[in-house]
Amino acid sequence: MMWPFSRIGLWLRRRNIAAIHQRHRRLNTPAYAGIDEVLRKFRDAGGLRHDFQPYKLFQLQQILVRFRPTSILEYGSGSSTSVFAAHVRTHGGQLRSIDESAAWLDNARRLAGIEVGDSHFELRNADPVVGTLDGVPAVGYGLVPDRYFDLIFVDGPSLRIEGVKRKDAVNDDVFRQLRVFPPRVIVVDGRHATVRALEQALRGRYDCTETALMGERLADDYEYFSIFTRIGDPAGHDLPSP
C-alpha cells in the first residue's frame, strides 16, 4: 500500500528531527542531566509529552547564557519557568510568570522550587482576553504594562477562541508591553502568526531569527525559538536597561 506523499513527508520529517535530537544529546550529555530531571517532574505531573521538550529547554538555557537577562516576563508557565527560576537563583534578578490556569501556575511554581513570598519571583493568574490586533484575532492576558523587562518569553495564553484553536491569532500582550517598555529580547515559542506580526511591527528596530520549524527541513543545531533582538544590542548586554 502506497502512503500519500504528505504522510511520507511527515514521517521523514519526524525521523530527521529524532536523529537531530539524538545527535545533539550525545554531544551535550552533561547539559541534559538537569533538563531531564525538570522534564521528569513535569511529566509525572501529567504534562509535556512531545519530543521537542529536552532540545527546547537546552536552547532556552543557551539563550539565557547569551543574553544574561536580569528581568524576565513569561507569558505561559511551565517547564520554562524552572529554567528561568534557576537562572534567577544563580545570577539574581526577577521573574514574572503569568498563566491562565491557577492550578498549572501553582504546579509550575512548586516544580520550579519557588517559595511563596520570594521577592525574586512573581506568579500571576489571569484569564485570557479575546480581542483583535490590526484586524486579526488576538488573545492575551489583558494586563496593563507596569514595568520594564529585559526578556519577554511568549508561550501563552492558549489561542482557543470559542473552543477552537486559532493558529492565525496573535498574542497582544507583547505588543502592549512593546509600546511602553520595549525589551532587549523577545523569544517566541511557536505562534507563527505572532512572529509574523512582530516582524512587521518591529522592522528596523529589532533583528529577527525565525524558528527553523517554519522551514521545510531541519539541520543540526537548528533554532527552535524565534528570537527578536533590539538593534544595537546583538550580544544581549551592550545597551543599558531603561
Protein backbone atom coordinates (compact mmCIF):
# COMPACT_ATOMS: atom_id res chain seq x y z
CA MET A 1 0.00 0.00 0.00
CA MET A 2 1.41 3.40 -1.01
CA TRP A 3 1.32 6.18 1.57
CA PRO A 4 0.11 9.58 0.42
CA PHE A 5 3.06 11.92 -0.16
CA SER A 6 2.04 14.09 2.79
CA ARG A 7 2.23 11.11 5.17
CA ILE A 8 5.61 10.06 3.79
CA GLY A 9 6.90 13.61 4.13
CA LEU A 10 5.67 13.85 7.71
CA TRP A 11 7.26 10.51 8.62
CA LEU A 12 10.60 11.54 7.09
CA ARG A 13 10.49 14.88 8.88
CA ARG A 14 9.83 13.23 12.24
CA ARG A 15 12.63 10.72 11.68
CA ASN A 16 15.03 13.54 10.75
CA ILE A 17 14.09 15.52 13.87
CA ALA A 18 14.54 12.47 16.11
CA ALA A 19 18.01 11.85 14.62
CA ILE A 20 18.98 15.51 15.14
CA HIS A 21 17.89 15.38 18.76
CA GLN A 22 19.74 12.11 19.40
CA ARG A 23 22.99 13.50 17.94
CA HIS A 24 22.61 16.70 19.93
CA ARG A 25 22.08 14.78 23.16
CA ARG A 26 25.20 12.65 22.55
CA LEU A 27 27.29 15.80 22.05
CA ASN A 28 25.84 17.57 25.10
CA THR A 29 25.16 14.73 27.52
CA PRO A 30 26.09 16.56 30.78
CA ALA A 31 23.82 19.51 29.97
CA TYR A 32 20.83 17.21 29.52
CA ALA A 33 21.04 15.72 33.02
CA GLY A 34 19.38 18.72 34.68
CA ILE A 35 16.94 19.13 31.81
CA ASP A 36 15.83 15.51 32.09
CA GLU A 37 15.16 15.98 35.80
CA VAL A 38 12.98 19.05 35.14
CA LEU A 39 11.00 17.19 32.50
CA ARG A 40 10.62 14.09 34.66
CA LYS A 41 8.89 16.19 37.32
CA PHE A 42 6.53 17.79 34.82
CA ARG A 43 5.72 14.50 33.10
CA ASP A 44 4.99 12.90 36.45
CA ALA A 45 2.54 15.77 36.97
CA GLY A 46 0.78 14.94 33.70
CA GLY A 47 2.29 17.34 31.16
CA LEU A 48 4.93 17.74 28.45
CA ARG A 49 4.66 14.69 26.24
CA HIS A 50 6.12 15.90 22.94
CA ASP A 51 9.65 15.01 21.83
CA PHE A 52 10.91 18.58 21.38
CA GLN A 53 10.96 19.40 25.10
CA PRO A 54 14.57 18.44 26.00
CA TYR A 55 16.02 20.24 22.98
CA LYS A 56 13.74 23.22 23.61
CA LEU A 57 14.93 23.63 27.20
CA PHE A 58 18.57 23.23 26.16
CA GLN A 59 18.13 26.08 23.69
CA LEU A 60 16.35 28.19 26.28
CA GLN A 61 19.30 27.77 28.63
CA GLN A 62 21.65 28.88 25.85
CA ILE A 63 19.52 31.98 25.24
CA LEU A 64 19.87 32.92 28.91
CA VAL A 65 23.64 32.42 28.74
CA ARG A 66 23.83 34.60 25.64
CA PHE A 67 21.63 37.49 26.78
CA ARG A 68 22.02 37.33 30.58
CA PRO A 69 18.66 38.99 31.36
CA THR A 70 18.18 40.45 34.82
CA SER A 71 14.39 40.59 34.49
CA ILE A 72 12.14 38.11 32.67
CA LEU A 73 8.44 38.29 31.76
CA GLU A 74 6.98 34.90 30.90
CA TYR A 75 3.60 34.57 29.19
CA GLY A 76 2.59 30.96 29.84
CA SER A 77 4.10 28.99 32.74
CA GLY A 78 5.56 25.50 32.50
CA SER A 79 8.91 23.75 32.28
CA SER A 80 10.41 27.02 31.04
CA THR A 81 9.57 28.50 34.45
CA SER A 82 12.03 26.06 36.04
CA VAL A 83 14.76 27.16 33.61
CA PHE A 84 14.09 30.83 34.27
CA ALA A 85 13.95 30.27 38.04
CA ALA A 86 17.32 28.51 38.00
CA HIS A 87 18.80 31.46 36.08
CA VAL A 88 17.42 33.96 38.60
CA ARG A 89 18.75 31.97 41.54
CA THR A 90 22.21 31.79 40.00
CA HIS A 91 22.54 35.31 38.58
CA GLY A 92 20.00 37.34 40.51
CA GLY A 93 17.16 39.35 39.04
CA GLN A 94 13.43 38.86 38.81
CA LEU A 95 10.92 36.61 37.06
CA ARG A 96 7.24 37.36 36.49
CA SER A 97 5.29 34.38 35.13
CA ILE A 98 1.65 34.61 34.03
CA ASP A 99 -0.74 31.77 33.25
CA GLU A 100 -4.49 31.33 32.79
CA SER A 101 -4.66 28.18 34.92
CA ALA A 102 -4.24 28.77 38.66
CA ALA A 103 -3.62 25.06 39.20
CA TRP A 104 -0.98 24.83 36.47
CA LEU A 105 0.67 28.03 37.71
CA ASP A 106 0.95 26.60 41.22
CA ASN A 107 2.24 23.35 39.75
CA ALA A 108 4.93 25.24 37.81
CA ARG A 109 5.86 27.19 40.96
CA ARG A 110 6.16 24.03 43.02
CA LEU A 111 8.16 22.11 40.41
CA ALA A 112 10.47 25.10 39.91
CA GLY A 113 11.11 25.21 43.65
CA ILE A 114 9.82 28.77 44.01
CA GLU A 115 8.91 29.61 47.58
CA VAL A 116 5.76 31.63 48.21
CA GLY A 117 6.80 35.15 49.20
CA ASP A 118 10.23 35.08 47.49
CA SER A 119 10.63 38.64 46.18
CA HIS A 120 12.62 37.45 43.15
CA PHE A 121 9.53 35.75 41.75
CA GLU A 122 6.03 36.96 40.92
CA LEU A 123 3.46 34.47 39.64
CA ARG A 124 0.15 35.81 38.36
CA ASN A 125 -3.05 34.06 37.38
CA ALA A 126 -5.00 35.90 34.66
CA ASP A 127 -7.89 34.84 32.44
CA PRO A 128 -7.44 35.02 28.65
CA VAL A 129 -8.91 38.08 26.97
CA VAL A 130 -10.02 37.79 23.33
CA GLY A 131 -9.82 40.79 21.02
CA THR A 132 -8.28 41.91 17.74
CA LEU A 133 -4.96 43.43 16.73
CA ASP A 134 -4.83 45.24 13.40
CA GLY A 135 -7.83 43.27 12.21
CA VAL A 136 -6.61 39.79 13.23
CA PRO A 137 -7.80 37.71 16.20
CA ALA A 138 -5.81 38.30 19.38
CA VAL A 139 -5.65 36.51 22.71
CA GLY A 140 -3.75 37.83 25.71
CA TYR A 141 -3.95 38.22 29.45
CA GLY A 142 -5.18 41.80 29.20
CA LEU A 143 -2.70 43.13 31.75
CA VAL A 144 -1.53 46.74 31.74
CA PRO A 145 2.29 47.04 31.44
CA ASP A 146 3.73 48.40 34.67
CA ARG A 147 7.50 47.94 34.38
CA TYR A 148 10.42 47.10 32.10
CA PHE A 149 11.73 43.56 31.48
CA ASP A 150 14.97 42.60 29.71
CA LEU A 151 13.48 39.48 28.14
CA ILE A 152 9.90 38.58 27.22
CA PHE A 153 9.02 34.93 26.60
CA VAL A 154 5.80 34.27 24.68
CA ASP A 155 4.22 30.84 25.17
CA GLY A 156 0.72 31.72 26.40
CA PRO A 157 -2.16 32.02 26.75
CA SER A 158 -3.95 29.32 24.78
CA LEU A 159 -5.07 30.57 21.37
CA ARG A 160 -8.51 28.99 21.69
CA ILE A 161 -11.41 31.24 20.77
CA GLU A 162 -14.89 29.84 21.48
CA GLY A 163 -13.33 26.40 21.90
CA VAL A 164 -11.45 26.44 18.58
CA LYS A 165 -7.66 26.75 18.36
CA ARG A 166 -6.88 29.69 16.09
CA LYS A 167 -3.42 29.45 14.54
CA ASP A 168 -4.00 32.86 12.96
CA ALA A 169 -4.46 34.50 16.37
CA VAL A 170 -1.68 36.56 17.94
CA ASN A 171 -0.61 37.30 21.49
CA ASP A 172 -1.35 41.00 22.00
CA ASP A 173 0.26 41.33 25.46
CA VAL A 174 3.71 41.57 23.93
CA PHE A 175 2.59 44.47 21.72
CA ARG A 176 1.22 46.38 24.71
CA GLN A 177 4.50 45.85 26.54
CA LEU A 178 6.49 46.96 23.49
CA ARG A 179 4.66 50.26 23.26
CA VAL A 180 5.58 51.26 26.82
CA PHE A 181 8.63 49.22 27.85
CA PRO A 182 10.41 47.74 24.78
CA PRO A 183 12.61 44.85 25.96
CA ARG A 184 16.06 43.91 24.81
CA VAL A 185 14.95 40.45 23.70
CA ILE A 186 11.67 38.74 22.75
CA VAL A 187 11.57 34.93 22.50
CA VAL A 188 8.52 33.28 20.91
CA ASP A 189 7.74 29.57 21.24
CA GLY A 190 5.84 28.57 18.07
CA ARG A 191 2.96 31.01 17.47
CA HIS A 192 3.86 31.77 13.89
CA ALA A 193 1.14 34.40 13.50
CA THR A 194 2.62 36.30 16.44
CA VAL A 195 6.09 36.04 14.89
CA ARG A 196 4.83 37.44 11.57
CA ALA A 197 3.05 40.31 13.31
CA LEU A 198 6.16 41.14 15.34
CA GLU A 199 8.35 41.06 12.25
CA GLN A 200 6.12 43.62 10.61
CA ALA A 201 5.80 45.84 13.67
CA LEU A 202 9.48 45.76 14.66
CA ARG A 203 11.14 46.10 11.26
CA GLY A 204 14.11 48.43 11.60
CA ARG A 205 14.07 48.26 15.40
CA TYR A 206 14.75 44.58 16.12
CA ASP A 207 16.65 41.83 14.31
CA CYS A 208 14.74 38.57 14.00
CA THR A 209 15.98 35.00 13.85
CA GLU A 210 13.00 32.86 12.89
CA THR A 211 12.42 29.41 14.25
CA ALA A 212 13.67 26.78 11.83
CA LEU A 213 10.40 24.92 12.43
CA MET A 214 8.81 27.25 9.88
CA GLY A 215 11.09 25.75 7.21
CA GLU A 216 10.88 22.55 5.22
CA ARG A 217 13.89 20.67 6.60
CA LEU A 218 15.82 20.97 9.84
CA ALA A 219 19.58 20.72 10.32
CA ASP A 220 21.77 20.04 13.34
CA ASP A 221 21.66 22.81 15.97
CA TYR A 222 18.51 24.26 14.42
CA GLU A 223 16.88 27.28 16.06
CA TYR A 224 13.83 26.14 18.00
CA PHE A 225 12.58 29.60 19.02
CA SER A 226 12.01 32.82 17.13
CA ILE A 227 14.23 35.48 18.70
CA PHE A 228 13.90 39.25 18.34
CA THR A 229 16.95 41.25 19.44
CA ARG A 230 16.89 45.01 19.77
CA ILE A 231 19.16 46.51 17.11
CA GLY A 232 22.37 47.77 18.68
CA ASP A 233 22.28 45.05 21.32
CA PRO A 234 23.36 41.92 19.37
CA ALA A 235 25.29 40.30 22.18
CA GLY A 236 22.50 40.90 24.64
CA HIS A 237 24.40 43.14 27.03
CA ASP A 238 25.69 46.18 25.13
CA LEU A 239 22.86 48.59 25.93
CA PRO A 240 21.84 49.71 29.39
CA SER A 241 18.35 48.84 30.56
CA PRO A 242 15.97 51.83 30.79
